[in-house]
């Protein structure tokens, strides 16, 4: 396995968690968030819900 170049290597890890009662709901949410822009994902992690609405695709 190749190592990532220094510019692509992670310098920190972020943990964000949501709870779901059904696995299917969790998969749908994961796919939804994966399609978001980087700015929108960062706003979600930081809890800036107002920015999420302004960054809607």
C-alpha atoms as a PDB file:
ATOM      1  CA  UNK A   1       0.000   0.000   0.000  1.00  0.00           C
ATOM      2  CA  UNK A   2       1.339   3.407  -0.957  1.00  0.00           C
ATOM      3  CA  UNK A   3       1.652   6.140   1.618  1.00  0.00           C
ATOM      4  CA  UNK A   4      -0.204   9.382   1.037  1.00  0.00           C
ATOM      5  CA  UNK A   5       1.845  12.405   0.000  1.00  0.00           C
ATOM      6  CA  UNK A   6       2.440  14.867   2.823  1.00  0.00           C
ATOM      7  CA  UNK A   7      -0.070  17.360   1.389  1.00  0.00           C
ATOM      8  CA  UNK A   8      -2.816  14.702   1.532  1.00  0.00           C
ATOM      9  CA  UNK A   9      -1.949  13.170   4.914  1.00  0.00           C
ATOM     10  CA  UNK A  10      -4.409  13.748   7.766  1.00  0.00           C
ATOM     11  CA  UNK A  11      -3.238  16.166  10.426  1.00  0.00           C
ATOM     12  CA  UNK A  12      -6.285  15.639  12.666  1.00  0.00           C
ATOM     13  CA  UNK A  13      -9.261  13.364  12.985  1.00  0.00           C
ATOM     14  CA  UNK A  14     -12.783  14.569  13.628  1.00  0.00           C
ATOM     15  CA  UNK A  15     -15.516  12.551  15.276  1.00  0.00           C
ATOM     16  CA  UNK A  16     -19.159  13.323  14.543  1.00  0.00           C
ATOM     17  CA  UNK A  17     -22.017  11.075  15.581  1.00  0.00           C
ATOM     18  CA  UNK A  18     -25.755  10.803  14.933  1.00  0.00           C
ATOM     19  CA  UNK A  19     -27.984   8.056  16.328  1.00  0.00           C
ATOM     20  CA  UNK A  20     -30.478   6.093  14.245  1.00  0.00           C
ATOM     21  CA  UNK A  21     -32.875   3.323  15.218  1.00  0.00           C
ATOM     22  CA  UNK A  22     -32.644   1.636  11.806  1.00  0.00           C
ATOM     23  CA  UNK A  23     -29.455   0.750   9.940  1.00  0.00           C
ATOM     24  CA  UNK A  24     -31.099   1.710   6.645  1.00  0.00           C
ATOM     25  CA  UNK A  25     -31.657   5.264   7.913  1.00  0.00           C
ATOM     26  CA  UNK A  26     -27.990   5.523   8.911  1.00  0.00           C
ATOM     27  CA  UNK A  27     -26.844   4.416   5.435  1.00  0.00           C
ATOM     28  CA  UNK A  28     -29.145   6.941   3.743  1.00  0.00           C
ATOM     29  CA  UNK A  29     -27.780   9.737   5.956  1.00  0.00           C
ATOM     30  CA  UNK A  30     -24.184   8.679   5.308  1.00  0.00           C
ATOM     31  CA  UNK A  31     -24.711   8.783   1.542  1.00  0.00           C
ATOM     32  CA  UNK A  32     -26.416  12.176   1.856  1.00  0.00           C
ATOM     33  CA  UNK A  33     -23.495  13.693   3.788  1.00  0.00           C
ATOM     34  CA  UNK A  34     -20.919  12.149   1.414  1.00  0.00           C
ATOM     35  CA  UNK A  35     -22.462  14.122  -1.454  1.00  0.00           C
ATOM     36  CA  UNK A  36     -22.213  17.441   0.386  1.00  0.00           C
ATOM     37  CA  UNK A  37     -19.507  20.019  -0.237  1.00  0.00           C
ATOM     38  CA  UNK A  38     -16.559  20.234   2.141  1.00  0.00           C
ATOM     39  CA  UNK A  39     -17.831  23.559   3.526  1.00  0.00           C
ATOM     40  CA  UNK A  40     -21.208  22.045   4.321  1.00  0.00           C
ATOM     41  CA  UNK A  41     -19.664  18.994   6.068  1.00  0.00           C
ATOM     42  CA  UNK A  42     -17.455  21.263   8.191  1.00  0.00           C
ATOM     43  CA  UNK A  43     -20.489  23.365   9.150  1.00  0.00           C
ATOM     44  CA  UNK A  44     -22.272  20.165  10.252  1.00  0.00           C
ATOM     45  CA  UNK A  45     -19.303  19.027  12.357  1.00  0.00           C
ATOM     46  CA  UNK A  46     -18.941  22.445  13.984  1.00  0.00           C
ATOM     47  CA  UNK A  47     -22.679  22.708  14.667  1.00  0.00           C
ATOM     48  CA  UNK A  48     -23.241  25.777  12.505  1.00  0.00           C
ATOM     49  CA  UNK A  49     -26.771  24.880  11.433  1.00  0.00           C
ATOM     50  CA  UNK A  50     -27.458  28.322   9.933  1.00  0.00           C
ATOM     51  CA  UNK A  51     -24.532  27.830   7.553  1.00  0.00           C
ATOM     52  CA  UNK A  52     -25.959  24.488   6.462  1.00  0.00           C
ATOM     53  CA  UNK A  53     -29.072  26.191   5.125  1.00  0.00           C
ATOM     54  CA  UNK A  54     -27.035  28.842   3.271  1.00  0.00           C
ATOM     55  CA  UNK A  55     -24.738  26.166   1.759  1.00  0.00           C
ATOM     56  CA  UNK A  56     -27.566  23.998   0.439  1.00  0.00           C
ATOM     57  CA  UNK A  57     -26.847  22.426  -2.939  1.00  0.00           C
END
